[in-house]
Amino acid sequence: MSKPTSAPRHLSDESKRLWRSVLADYELEKRHEAVLLTALEALDRMRQAQAQLGKDGLTTTDRYGGIKAHPAVVIERDSRSAFLRAMRELGLDLEAPATSRAPSRYHT
């Protein structure tokens, strides 16, 4: 198992806090940290899409005047799915344990 590492600089403050929290509660191997990073990058992408939707609204008008879903709706949906899938892959979709340990699926 690896010693907890600093959160990658390119992550948002929210994702950095989650990175530190997960590594404080679980012992992850380097390859699992890569999955966690993927999850947090997806979380950041989802938040960016949500911010854009907050500014622009859920719909946009196409060149013919028709109303259609804003492109960020798809980005938000896909990023949410990627985040949740990666967290499940790590076995982190449950409440953190009282003691530090590896997620149950990685216990040796």
PDB file of N, CA and C in Angstrom:
ATOM      1  N   MET A   1       0.836  -1.185   0.000  1.00  0.00           N
ATOM      2  CA  MET A   1       0.000   0.000   0.000  1.00  0.00           C
ATOM      3  C   MET A   1       0.879   1.246   0.000  1.00  0.00           C
ATOM      4  N   SER A   2       0.369   2.288  -0.580  1.00  0.00           N
ATOM      5  CA  SER A   2       1.155   3.505  -0.672  1.00  0.00           C
ATOM      6  C   SER A   2       0.800   4.467   0.451  1.00  0.00           C
ATOM      7  N   LYS A   3       1.740   5.316   0.741  1.00  0.00           N
ATOM      8  CA  LYS A   3       1.518   6.392   1.693  1.00  0.00           C
ATOM      9  C   LYS A   3       0.655   7.448   0.995  1.00  0.00           C
ATOM     10  N   PRO A   4      -0.297   8.061   1.700  1.00  0.00           N
ATOM     11  CA  PRO A   4      -1.126   9.081   1.057  1.00  0.00           C
ATOM     12  C   PRO A   4      -0.280  10.166   0.398  1.00  0.00           C
ATOM     13  N   THR A   5      -0.684  10.547  -0.789  1.00  0.00           N
ATOM     14  CA  THR A   5       0.031  11.567  -1.536  1.00  0.00           C
ATOM     15  C   THR A   5      -0.793  12.840  -1.579  1.00  0.00           C
ATOM     16  N   SER A   6      -0.129  13.930  -1.926  1.00  0.00           N
ATOM     17  CA  SER A   6      -0.826  15.207  -2.067  1.00  0.00           C
ATOM     18  C   SER A   6      -1.804  15.129  -3.220  1.00  0.00           C
ATOM     19  N   ALA A   7      -2.865  15.889  -3.109  1.00  0.00           N
ATOM     20  CA  ALA A   7      -3.853  15.938  -4.185  1.00  0.00           C
ATOM     21  C   ALA A   7      -3.233  16.591  -5.416  1.00  0.00           C
ATOM     22  N   PRO A   8      -3.526  16.079  -6.592  1.00  0.00           N
ATOM     23  CA  PRO A   8      -3.018  16.692  -7.820  1.00  0.00           C
ATOM     24  C   PRO A   8      -3.448  18.159  -7.921  1.00  0.00           C
ATOM     25  N   ARG A   9      -2.556  18.996  -8.368  1.00  0.00           N
ATOM     26  CA  ARG A   9      -2.786  20.447  -8.392  1.00  0.00           C
ATOM     27  C   ARG A   9      -3.939  20.872  -9.280  1.00  0.00           C
ATOM     28  N   HIS A  10      -4.184  20.149 -10.348  1.00  0.00           N
ATOM     29  CA  HIS A  10      -5.212  20.573 -11.298  1.00  0.00           C
ATOM     30  C   HIS A  10      -6.641  20.313 -10.816  1.00  0.00           C
ATOM     31  N   LEU A  11      -6.808  19.619  -9.715  1.00  0.00           N
ATOM     32  CA  LEU A  11      -8.146  19.355  -9.193  1.00  0.00           C
ATOM     33  C   LEU A  11      -8.721  20.592  -8.518  1.00  0.00           C
ATOM     34  N   SER A  12     -10.041  20.678  -8.498  1.00  0.00           N
ATOM     35  CA  SER A  12     -10.721  21.765  -7.792  1.00  0.00           C
ATOM     36  C   SER A  12     -10.517  21.597  -6.285  1.00  0.00           C
ATOM     37  N   ASP A  13     -10.831  22.625  -5.547  1.00  0.00           N
ATOM     38  CA  ASP A  13     -10.724  22.541  -4.087  1.00  0.00           C
ATOM     39  C   ASP A  13     -11.628  21.435  -3.542  1.00  0.00           C
ATOM     40  N   GLU A  14     -12.833  21.310  -4.074  1.00  0.00           N
ATOM     41  CA  GLU A  14     -13.754  20.250  -3.640  1.00  0.00           C
ATOM     42  C   GLU A  14     -13.132  18.870  -3.856  1.00  0.00           C
ATOM     43  N   SER A  15     -12.554  18.662  -5.032  1.00  0.00           N
ATOM     44  CA  SER A  15     -11.963  17.370  -5.339  1.00  0.00           C
ATOM     45  C   SER A  15     -10.698  17.119  -4.523  1.00  0.00           C
ATOM     46  N   LYS A  16      -9.937  18.160  -4.259  1.00  0.00           N
ATOM     47  CA  LYS A  16      -8.752  17.995  -3.406  1.00  0.00           C
ATOM     48  C   LYS A  16      -9.150  17.565  -1.998  1.00  0.00           C
ATOM     49  N   ARG A  17     -10.231  18.156  -1.473  1.00  0.00           N
ATOM     50  CA  ARG A  17     -10.713  17.753  -0.140  1.00  0.00           C
ATOM     51  C   ARG A  17     -11.158  16.296  -0.150  1.00  0.00           C
ATOM     52  N   LEU A  18     -11.849  15.889  -1.202  1.00  0.00           N
ATOM     53  CA  LEU A  18     -12.296  14.505  -1.300  1.00  0.00           C
ATOM     54  C   LEU A  18     -11.110  13.559  -1.446  1.00  0.00           C
ATOM     55  N   TRP A  19     -10.105  13.947  -2.222  1.00  0.00           N
ATOM     56  CA  TRP A  19      -8.864  13.150  -2.376  1.00  0.00           C
ATOM     57  C   TRP A  19      -8.241  12.903  -1.006  1.00  0.00           C
ATOM     58  N   ARG A  20      -8.067  14.002  -0.242  1.00  0.00           N
ATOM     59  CA  ARG A  20      -7.445  13.876   1.082  1.00  0.00           C
ATOM     60  C   ARG A  20      -8.303  13.022   2.010  1.00  0.00           C
ATOM     61  N   SER A  21      -9.595  13.185   1.943  1.00  0.00           N
ATOM     62  CA  SER A  21     -10.502  12.427   2.797  1.00  0.00           C
ATOM     63  C   SER A  21     -10.440  10.931   2.488  1.00  0.00           C
ATOM     64  N   VAL A  22     -10.459  10.588   1.214  1.00  0.00           N
ATOM     65  CA  VAL A  22     -10.405   9.175   0.837  1.00  0.00           C
ATOM     66  C   VAL A  22      -9.078   8.564   1.269  1.00  0.00           C
ATOM     67  N   LEU A  23      -7.978   9.262   1.002  1.00  0.00           N
ATOM     68  CA  LEU A  23      -6.673   8.706   1.365  1.00  0.00           C
ATOM     69  C   LEU A  23      -6.447   8.668   2.871  1.00  0.00           C
ATOM     70  N   ALA A  24      -7.173   9.500   3.610  1.00  0.00           N
ATOM     71  CA  ALA A  24      -7.088   9.431   5.070  1.00  0.00           C
ATOM     72  C   ALA A  24      -7.872   8.232   5.612  1.00  0.00           C
ATOM     73  N   ASP A  25      -8.948   7.859   4.927  1.00  0.00           N
ATOM     74  CA  ASP A  25      -9.817   6.776   5.398  1.00  0.00           C
ATOM     75  C   ASP A  25      -9.476   5.410   4.829  1.00  0.00           C
ATOM     76  N   TYR A  26      -8.791   5.376   3.693  1.00  0.00           N
ATOM     77  CA  TYR A  26      -8.504   4.117   3.017  1.00  0.00           C
ATOM     78  C   TYR A  26      -7.030   4.027   2.640  1.00  0.00           C
ATOM     79  N   GLU A  27      -6.535   2.815   2.551  1.00  0.00           N
ATOM     80  CA  GLU A  27      -5.186   2.560   2.062  1.00  0.00           C
ATOM     81  C   GLU A  27      -5.308   2.098   0.618  1.00  0.00           C
ATOM     82  N   LEU A  28      -4.921   2.950  -0.309  1.00  0.00           N
ATOM     83  CA  LEU A  28      -5.030   2.631  -1.731  1.00  0.00           C
ATOM     84  C   LEU A  28      -3.657   2.366  -2.329  1.00  0.00           C
ATOM     85  N   GLU A  29      -3.607   1.459  -3.268  1.00  0.00           N
ATOM     86  CA  GLU A  29      -2.388   1.250  -4.040  1.00  0.00           C
ATOM     87  C   GLU A  29      -2.347   2.301  -5.137  1.00  0.00           C
ATOM     88  N   LYS A  30      -1.171   2.506  -5.720  1.00  0.00           N
ATOM     89  CA  LYS A  30      -1.004   3.535  -6.751  1.00  0.00           C
ATOM     90  C   LYS A  30      -2.007   3.379  -7.884  1.00  0.00           C
ATOM     91  N   ARG A  31      -2.246   2.147  -8.327  1.00  0.00           N
ATOM     92  CA  ARG A  31      -3.174   1.954  -9.446  1.00  0.00           C
ATOM     93  C   ARG A  31      -4.589   2.363  -9.066  1.00  0.00           C
ATOM     94  N   HIS A  32      -4.932   2.246  -7.785  1.00  0.00           N
ATOM     95  CA  HIS A  32      -6.250   2.661  -7.340  1.00  0.00           C
ATOM     96  C   HIS A  32      -6.326   4.181  -7.199  1.00  0.00           C
ATOM     97  N   GLU A  33      -5.186   4.799  -6.907  1.00  0.00           N
ATOM     98  CA  GLU A  33      -5.153   6.263  -6.888  1.00  0.00           C
ATOM     99  C   GLU A  33      -5.452   6.811  -8.277  1.00  0.00           C
ATOM    100  N   ALA A  34      -5.040   6.107  -9.318  1.00  0.00           N
ATOM    101  CA  ALA A  34      -5.328   6.540 -10.692  1.00  0.00           C
ATOM    102  C   ALA A  34      -6.831   6.499 -10.961  1.00  0.00           C
ATOM    103  N   VAL A  35      -7.517   5.493 -10.419  1.00  0.00           N
ATOM    104  CA  VAL A  35      -8.969   5.412 -10.583  1.00  0.00           C
ATOM    105  C   VAL A  35      -9.633   6.534  -9.793  1.00  0.00           C
ATOM    106  N   LEU A  36      -9.128   6.803  -8.594  1.00  0.00           N
ATOM    107  CA  LEU A  36      -9.656   7.911  -7.799  1.00  0.00           C
ATOM    108  C   LEU A  36      -9.467   9.230  -8.535  1.00  0.00           C
ATOM    109  N   LEU A  37      -8.305   9.424  -9.130  1.00  0.00           N
ATOM    110  CA  LEU A  37      -8.053  10.652  -9.893  1.00  0.00           C
ATOM    111  C   LEU A  37      -9.051  10.785 -11.043  1.00  0.00           C
ATOM    112  N   THR A  38      -9.301   9.702 -11.745  1.00  0.00           N
ATOM    113  CA  THR A  38     -10.281   9.722 -12.831  1.00  0.00           C
ATOM    114  C   THR A  38     -11.651  10.134 -12.304  1.00  0.00           C
ATOM    115  N   ALA A  39     -12.036   9.593 -11.157  1.00  0.00           N
ATOM    116  CA  ALA A  39     -13.325   9.939 -10.555  1.00  0.00           C
ATOM    117  C   ALA A  39     -13.405  11.425 -10.240  1.00  0.00           C
ATOM    118  N   LEU A  40     -12.343  11.961  -9.658  1.00  0.00           N
ATOM    119  CA  LEU A  40     -12.360  13.361  -9.243  1.00  0.00           C
ATOM    120  C   LEU A  40     -12.282  14.311 -10.428  1.00  0.00           C
ATOM    121  N   GLU A  41     -11.594  13.920 -11.481  1.00  0.00           N
ATOM    122  CA  GLU A  41     -11.598  14.726 -12.704  1.00  0.00           C
ATOM    123  C   GLU A  41     -13.005  14.755 -13.310  1.00  0.00           C
ATOM    124  N   ALA A  42     -13.695  13.625 -13.254  1.00  0.00           N
ATOM    125  CA  ALA A  42     -15.076  13.579 -13.738  1.00  0.00           C
ATOM    126  C   ALA A  42     -15.979  14.453 -12.866  1.00  0.00           C
ATOM    127  N   LEU A  43     -15.755  14.439 -11.556  1.00  0.00           N
ATOM    128  CA  LEU A  43     -16.519  15.301 -10.656  1.00  0.00           C
ATOM    129  C   LEU A  43     -16.309  16.770 -11.019  1.00  0.00           C
ATOM    130  N   ASP A  44     -15.073  17.151 -11.272  1.00  0.00           N
ATOM    131  CA  ASP A  44     -14.787  18.534 -11.653  1.00  0.00           C
ATOM    132  C   ASP A  44     -15.462  18.904 -12.974  1.00  0.00           C
ATOM    133  N   ARG A  45     -15.425  17.994 -13.936  1.00  0.00           N
ATOM    134  CA  ARG A  45     -16.083  18.231 -15.221  1.00  0.00           C
ATOM    135  C   ARG A  45     -17.589  18.393 -15.030  1.00  0.00           C
ATOM    136  N   MET A  46     -18.164  17.561 -14.167  1.00  0.00           N
ATOM    137  CA  MET A  46     -19.591  17.658 -13.879  1.00  0.00           C
ATOM    138  C   MET A  46     -19.917  19.022 -13.268  1.00  0.00           C
ATOM    139  N   ARG A  47     -19.098  19.458 -12.319  1.00  0.00           N
ATOM    140  CA  ARG A  47     -19.332  20.769 -11.680  1.00  0.00           C
ATOM    141  C   ARG A  47     -19.206  21.910 -12.693  1.00  0.00           C
ATOM    142  N   GLN A  48     -18.243  21.811 -13.618  1.00  0.00           N
ATOM    143  CA  GLN A  48     -18.098  22.831 -14.657  1.00  0.00           C
ATOM    144  C   GLN A  48     -19.342  22.877 -15.535  1.00  0.00           C
ATOM    145  N   ALA A  49     -19.846  21.717 -15.901  1.00  0.00           N
ATOM    146  CA  ALA A  49     -21.059  21.661 -16.722  1.00  0.00           C
ATOM    147  C   ALA A  49     -22.243  22.239 -15.956  1.00  0.00           C
ATOM    148  N   GLN A  50     -22.344  21.927 -14.671  1.00  0.00           N
ATOM    149  CA  GLN A  50     -23.434  22.471 -13.862  1.00  0.00           C
ATOM    150  C   GLN A  50     -23.358  23.990 -13.786  1.00  0.00           C
ATOM    151  N   ALA A  51     -22.156  24.519 -13.645  1.00  0.00           N
ATOM    152  CA  ALA A  51     -21.987  25.983 -13.605  1.00  0.00           C
ATOM    153  C   ALA A  51     -22.416  26.611 -14.931  1.00  0.00           C
ATOM    154  N   GLN A  52     -22.036  25.984 -16.030  1.00  0.00           N
ATOM    155  CA  GLN A  52     -22.418  26.502 -17.345  1.00  0.00           C
ATOM    156  C   GLN A  52     -23.932  26.456 -17.522  1.00  0.00           C
ATOM    157  N   LEU A  53     -24.538  25.365 -17.090  1.00  0.00           N
ATOM    158  CA  LEU A  53     -25.998  25.247 -17.170  1.00  0.00           C
ATOM    159  C   LEU A  53     -26.683  26.277 -16.279  1.00  0.00           C
ATOM    160  N   GLY A  54     -26.063  26.601 -15.149  1.00  0.00           N
ATOM    161  CA  GLY A  54     -26.608  27.636 -14.272  1.00  0.00           C
ATOM    162  C   GLY A  54     -26.632  28.995 -14.946  1.00  0.00           C
ATOM    163  N   LYS A  55     -25.648  29.249 -15.797  1.00  0.00           N
ATOM    164  CA  LYS A  55     -25.576  30.517 -16.533  1.00  0.00           C
ATOM    165  C   LYS A  55     -26.502  30.526 -17.740  1.00  0.00           C
ATOM    166  N   ASP A  56     -26.474  29.420 -18.493  1.00  0.00           N
ATOM    167  CA  ASP A  56     -27.155  29.385 -19.790  1.00  0.00           C
ATOM    168  C   ASP A  56     -28.545  28.778 -19.767  1.00  0.00           C
ATOM    169  N   GLY A  57     -28.852  27.988 -18.747  1.00  0.00           N
ATOM    170  CA  GLY A  57     -30.114  27.268 -18.722  1.00  0.00           C
ATOM    171  C   GLY A  57     -29.961  25.885 -19.349  1.00  0.00           C
ATOM    172  N   LEU A  58     -30.979  25.070 -19.221  1.00  0.00           N
ATOM    173  CA  LEU A  58     -30.927  23.688 -19.684  1.00  0.00           C
ATOM    174  C   LEU A  58     -31.125  23.541 -21.185  1.00  0.00           C
ATOM    175  N   THR A  59     -31.674  24.577 -21.811  1.00  0.00           N
ATOM    176  CA  THR A  59     -31.932  24.487 -23.244  1.00  0.00           C
ATOM    177  C   THR A  59     -31.241  25.611 -23.998  1.00  0.00           C
ATOM    178  N   THR A  60     -31.129  25.399 -25.292  1.00  0.00           N
ATOM    179  CA  THR A  60     -30.564  26.398 -26.182  1.00  0.00           C
ATOM    180  C   THR A  60     -31.387  26.378 -27.466  1.00  0.00           C
ATOM    181  N   THR A  61     -31.228  27.379 -28.273  1.00  0.00           N
ATOM    182  CA  THR A  61     -31.947  27.459 -29.532  1.00  0.00           C
ATOM    183  C   THR A  61     -30.999  27.124 -30.670  1.00  0.00           C
ATOM    184  N   ASP A  62     -31.441  26.231 -31.555  1.00  0.00           N
ATOM    185  CA  ASP A  62     -30.589  25.888 -32.688  1.00  0.00           C
ATOM    186  C   ASP A  62     -30.726  26.930 -33.793  1.00  0.00           C
ATOM    187  N   ARG A  63     -30.035  26.750 -34.868  1.00  0.00           N
ATOM    188  CA  ARG A  63     -30.019  27.766 -35.929  1.00  0.00           C
ATOM    189  C   ARG A  63     -31.359  27.911 -36.638  1.00  0.00           C
ATOM    190  N   TYR A  64     -32.255  26.965 -36.433  1.00  0.00           N
ATOM    191  CA  TYR A  64     -33.577  27.045 -37.039  1.00  0.00           C
ATOM    192  C   TYR A  64     -34.624  27.574 -36.068  1.00  0.00           C
ATOM    193  N   GLY A  65     -34.182  27.948 -34.879  1.00  0.00           N
ATOM    194  CA  GLY A  65     -35.098  28.474 -33.871  1.00  0.00           C
ATOM    195  C   GLY A  65     -35.720  27.414 -32.988  1.00  0.00           C
ATOM    196  N   GLY A  66     -35.341  26.169 -33.197  1.00  0.00           N
ATOM    197  CA  GLY A  66     -35.865  25.091 -32.365  1.00  0.00           C
ATOM    198  C   GLY A  66     -35.145  25.022 -31.028  1.00  0.00           C
ATOM    199  N   ILE A  67     -35.857  24.564 -30.031  1.00  0.00           N
ATOM    200  CA  ILE A  67     -35.268  24.436 -28.697  1.00  0.00           C
ATOM    201  C   ILE A  67     -34.724  23.022 -28.552  1.00  0.00           C
ATOM    202  N   LYS A  68     -33.498  22.956 -28.033  1.00  0.00           N
ATOM    203  CA  LYS A  68     -32.865  21.651 -27.797  1.00  0.00           C
ATOM    204  C   LYS A  68     -32.094  21.710 -26.483  1.00  0.00           C
ATOM    205  N   ALA A  69     -31.715  20.552 -26.000  1.00  0.00           N
ATOM    206  CA  ALA A  69     -30.950  20.481 -24.750  1.00  0.00           C
ATOM    207  C   ALA A  69     -29.594  21.145 -24.938  1.00  0.00           C
ATOM    208  N   HIS A  70     -29.165  21.852 -23.921  1.00  0.00           N
ATOM    209  CA  HIS A  70     -27.833  22.471 -23.916  1.00  0.00           C
ATOM    210  C   HIS A  70     -26.793  21.347 -23.981  1.00  0.00           C
ATOM    211  N   PRO A  71     -25.713  21.510 -24.746  1.00  0.00           N
ATOM    212  CA  PRO A  71     -24.683  20.470 -24.822  1.00  0.00           C
ATOM    213  C   PRO A  71     -24.091  20.094 -23.455  1.00  0.00           C
ATOM    214  N   ALA A  72     -24.088  21.012 -22.514  1.00  0.00           N
ATOM    215  CA  ALA A  72     -23.534  20.721 -21.188  1.00  0.00           C
ATOM    216  C   ALA A  72     -24.386  19.722 -20.413  1.00  0.00           C
ATOM    217  N   VAL A  73     -25.647  19.519 -20.823  1.00  0.00           N
ATOM    218  CA  VAL A  73     -26.488  18.509 -20.170  1.00  0.00           C
ATOM    219  C   VAL A  73     -25.857  17.133 -20.356  1.00  0.00           C
ATOM    220  N   VAL A  74     -25.366  16.862 -21.550  1.00  0.00           N
ATOM    221  CA  VAL A  74     -24.733  15.570 -21.840  1.00  0.00           C
ATOM    222  C   VAL A  74     -23.422  15.445 -21.064  1.00  0.00           C
ATOM    223  N   ILE A  75     -22.652  16.514 -21.009  1.00  0.00           N
ATOM    224  CA  ILE A  75     -21.386  16.497 -20.273  1.00  0.00           C
ATOM    225  C   ILE A  75     -21.643  16.232 -18.795  1.00  0.00           C
ATOM    226  N   GLU A  76     -22.654  16.893 -18.243  1.00  0.00           N
ATOM    227  CA  GLU A  76     -22.983  16.677 -16.832  1.00  0.00           C
ATOM    228  C   GLU A  76     -23.376  15.229 -16.588  1.00  0.00           C
ATOM    229  N   ARG A  77     -24.271  14.694 -17.421  1.00  0.00           N
ATOM    230  CA  ARG A  77     -24.741  13.313 -17.257  1.00  0.00           C
ATOM    231  C   ARG A  77     -23.593  12.310 -17.374  1.00  0.00           C
ATOM    232  N   ASP A  78     -22.779  12.470 -18.409  1.00  0.00           N
ATOM    233  CA  ASP A  78     -21.684  11.527 -18.628  1.00  0.00           C
ATOM    234  C   ASP A  78     -20.630  11.606 -17.526  1.00  0.00           C
ATOM    235  N   SER A  79     -20.355  12.808 -17.070  1.00  0.00           N
ATOM    236  CA  SER A  79     -19.367  12.984 -16.007  1.00  0.00           C
ATOM    237  C   SER A  79     -19.869  12.423 -14.688  1.00  0.00           C
ATOM    238  N   ARG A  80     -21.151  12.599 -14.410  1.00  0.00           N
ATOM    239  CA  ARG A  80     -21.731  12.021 -13.190  1.00  0.00           C
ATOM    240  C   ARG A  80     -21.617  10.499 -13.236  1.00  0.00           C
ATOM    241  N   SER A  81     -21.950   9.922 -14.375  1.00  0.00           N
ATOM    242  CA  SER A  81     -21.852   8.462 -14.518  1.00  0.00           C
ATOM    243  C   SER A  81     -20.419   7.980 -14.343  1.00  0.00           C
ATOM    244  N   ALA A  82     -19.469   8.693 -14.936  1.00  0.00           N
ATOM    245  CA  ALA A  82     -18.057   8.306 -14.815  1.00  0.00           C
ATOM    246  C   ALA A  82     -17.585   8.401 -13.369  1.00  0.00           C
ATOM    247  N   PHE A  83     -17.992   9.460 -12.669  1.00  0.00           N
ATOM    248  CA  PHE A  83     -17.623   9.629 -11.264  1.00  0.00           C
ATOM    249  C   PHE A  83     -18.163   8.473 -10.424  1.00  0.00           C
ATOM    250  N   LEU A  84     -19.455   8.201 -10.563  1.00  0.00           N
ATOM    251  CA  LEU A  84     -20.075   7.144  -9.760  1.00  0.00           C
ATOM    252  C   LEU A  84     -19.502   5.772 -10.098  1.00  0.00           C
ATOM    253  N   ARG A  85     -19.245   5.524 -11.364  1.00  0.00           N
ATOM    254  CA  ARG A  85     -18.675   4.231 -11.781  1.00  0.00           C
ATOM    255  C   ARG A  85     -17.287   4.033 -11.183  1.00  0.00           C
ATOM    256  N   ALA A  86     -16.455   5.064 -11.227  1.00  0.00           N
ATOM    257  CA  ALA A  86     -15.102   4.959 -10.670  1.00  0.00           C
ATOM    258  C   ALA A  86     -15.141   4.776  -9.153  1.00  0.00           C
ATOM    259  N   MET A  87     -16.040   5.477  -8.482  1.00  0.00           N
ATOM    260  CA  MET A  87     -16.153   5.321  -7.030  1.00  0.00           C
ATOM    261  C   MET A  87     -16.624   3.914  -6.674  1.00  0.00           C
ATOM    262  N   ARG A  88     -17.563   3.373  -7.445  1.00  0.00           N
ATOM    263  CA  ARG A  88     -18.000   1.991  -7.220  1.00  0.00           C
ATOM    264  C   ARG A  88     -16.868   1.014  -7.496  1.00  0.00           C
ATOM    265  N   GLU A  89     -16.087   1.291  -8.536  1.00  0.00           N
ATOM    266  CA  GLU A  89     -14.955   0.428  -8.876  1.00  0.00           C
ATOM    267  C   GLU A  89     -13.990   0.325  -7.690  1.00  0.00           C
ATOM    268  N   LEU A  90     -13.835   1.416  -6.978  1.00  0.00           N
ATOM    269  CA  LEU A  90     -12.961   1.440  -5.805  1.00  0.00           C
ATOM    270  C   LEU A  90     -13.656   0.905  -4.551  1.00  0.00           C
ATOM    271  N   GLY A  91     -14.948   0.687  -4.641  1.00  0.00           N
ATOM    272  CA  GLY A  91     -15.693   0.247  -3.463  1.00  0.00           C
ATOM    273  C   GLY A  91     -15.915   1.390  -2.491  1.00  0.00           C
ATOM    274  N   LEU A  92     -15.937   2.635  -2.996  1.00  0.00           N
ATOM    275  CA  LEU A  92     -16.054   3.811  -2.137  1.00  0.00           C
ATOM    276  C   LEU A  92     -17.437   4.446  -2.206  1.00  0.00           C
ATOM    277  N   ASP A  93     -18.421   3.694  -2.659  1.00  0.00           N
ATOM    278  CA  ASP A  93     -19.760   4.257  -2.741  1.00  0.00           C
ATOM    279  C   ASP A  93     -20.527   4.097  -1.432  1.00  0.00           C
ATOM    280  N   LEU A  94     -19.846   3.593  -0.401  1.00  0.00           N
ATOM    281  CA  LEU A  94     -20.440   3.451   0.916  1.00  0.00           C
ATOM    282  C   LEU A  94     -19.787   4.434   1.875  1.00  0.00           C
ATOM    283  N   GLU A  95     -20.390   4.598   3.035  1.00  0.00           N
ATOM    284  CA  GLU A  95     -19.835   5.486   4.050  1.00  0.00           C
ATOM    285  C   GLU A  95     -18.453   4.997   4.480  1.00  0.00           C
ATOM    286  N   ALA A  96     -17.565   5.932   4.749  1.00  0.00           N
ATOM    287  CA  ALA A  96     -16.200   5.590   5.154  1.00  0.00           C
ATOM    288  C   ALA A  96     -16.208   4.811   6.468  1.00  0.00           C
ATOM    289  N   PRO A  97     -15.287   3.868   6.623  1.00  0.00           N
ATOM    290  CA  PRO A  97     -15.218   3.074   7.851  1.00  0.00           C
ATOM    291  C   PRO A  97     -14.653   3.891   9.015  1.00  0.00           C
ATOM    292  N   ALA A  98     -14.848   3.358  10.218  1.00  0.00           N
ATOM    293  CA  ALA A  98     -14.327   4.024  11.411  1.00  0.00           C
ATOM    294  C   ALA A  98     -12.817   3.898  11.506  1.00  0.00           C
ATOM    295  N   THR A  99     -12.250   2.825  10.951  1.00  0.00           N
ATOM    296  CA  THR A  99     -10.803   2.632  10.973  1.00  0.00           C
ATOM    297  C   THR A  99     -10.272   2.589   9.547  1.00  0.00           C
ATOM    298  N   SER A 100      -9.016   2.960   9.395  1.00  0.00           N
ATOM    299  CA  SER A 100      -8.405   2.974   8.066  1.00  0.00           C
ATOM    300  C   SER A 100      -8.169   1.557   7.576  1.00  0.00           C
ATOM    301  N   ARG A 101      -8.597   1.308   6.340  1.00  0.00           N
ATOM    302  CA  ARG A 101      -8.374   0.016   5.717  1.00  0.00           C
ATOM    303  C   ARG A 101      -8.555   0.180   4.211  1.00  0.00           C
ATOM    304  N   ALA A 102      -8.146  -0.809   3.484  1.00  0.00           N
ATOM    305  CA  ALA A 102      -8.382  -0.805   2.047  1.00  0.00           C
ATOM    306  C   ALA A 102      -9.859  -1.065   1.799  1.00  0.00           C
ATOM    307  N   PRO A 103     -10.424  -0.537   0.691  1.00  0.00           N
ATOM    308  CA  PRO A 103     -11.797  -0.887   0.363  1.00  0.00           C
ATOM    309  C   PRO A 103     -11.938  -2.402   0.315  1.00  0.00           C
ATOM    310  N   SER A 104     -13.089  -2.918   0.686  1.00  0.00           N
ATOM    311  CA  SER A 104     -13.281  -4.360   0.857  1.00  0.00           C
ATOM    312  C   SER A 104     -12.883  -5.176  -0.365  1.00  0.00           C
ATOM    313  N   ARG A 105     -13.087  -4.690  -1.546  1.00  0.00           N
ATOM    314  CA  ARG A 105     -12.765  -5.486  -2.731  1.00  0.00           C
ATOM    315  C   ARG A 105     -11.267  -5.588  -2.938  1.00  0.00           C
ATOM    316  N   TYR A 106     -10.463  -4.744  -2.281  1.00  0.00           N
ATOM    317  CA  TYR A 106      -9.008  -4.791  -2.443  1.00  0.00           C
ATOM    318  C   TYR A 106      -8.306  -5.354  -1.209  1.00  0.00           C
ATOM    319  N   HIS A 107      -9.076  -5.780  -0.238  1.00  0.00           N
ATOM    320  CA  HIS A 107      -8.483  -6.382   0.970  1.00  0.00           C
ATOM    321  C   HIS A 107      -7.757  -7.669   0.604  1.00  0.00           C
ATOM    322  N   THR A 108      -6.574  -7.837   1.134  1.00  0.00           N
ATOM    323  CA  THR A 108      -5.819  -9.067   0.870  1.00  0.00           C
ATOM    324  C   THR A 108      -5.838  -9.970   2.076  1.00  0.00           C
TER     325      THR A 108
END
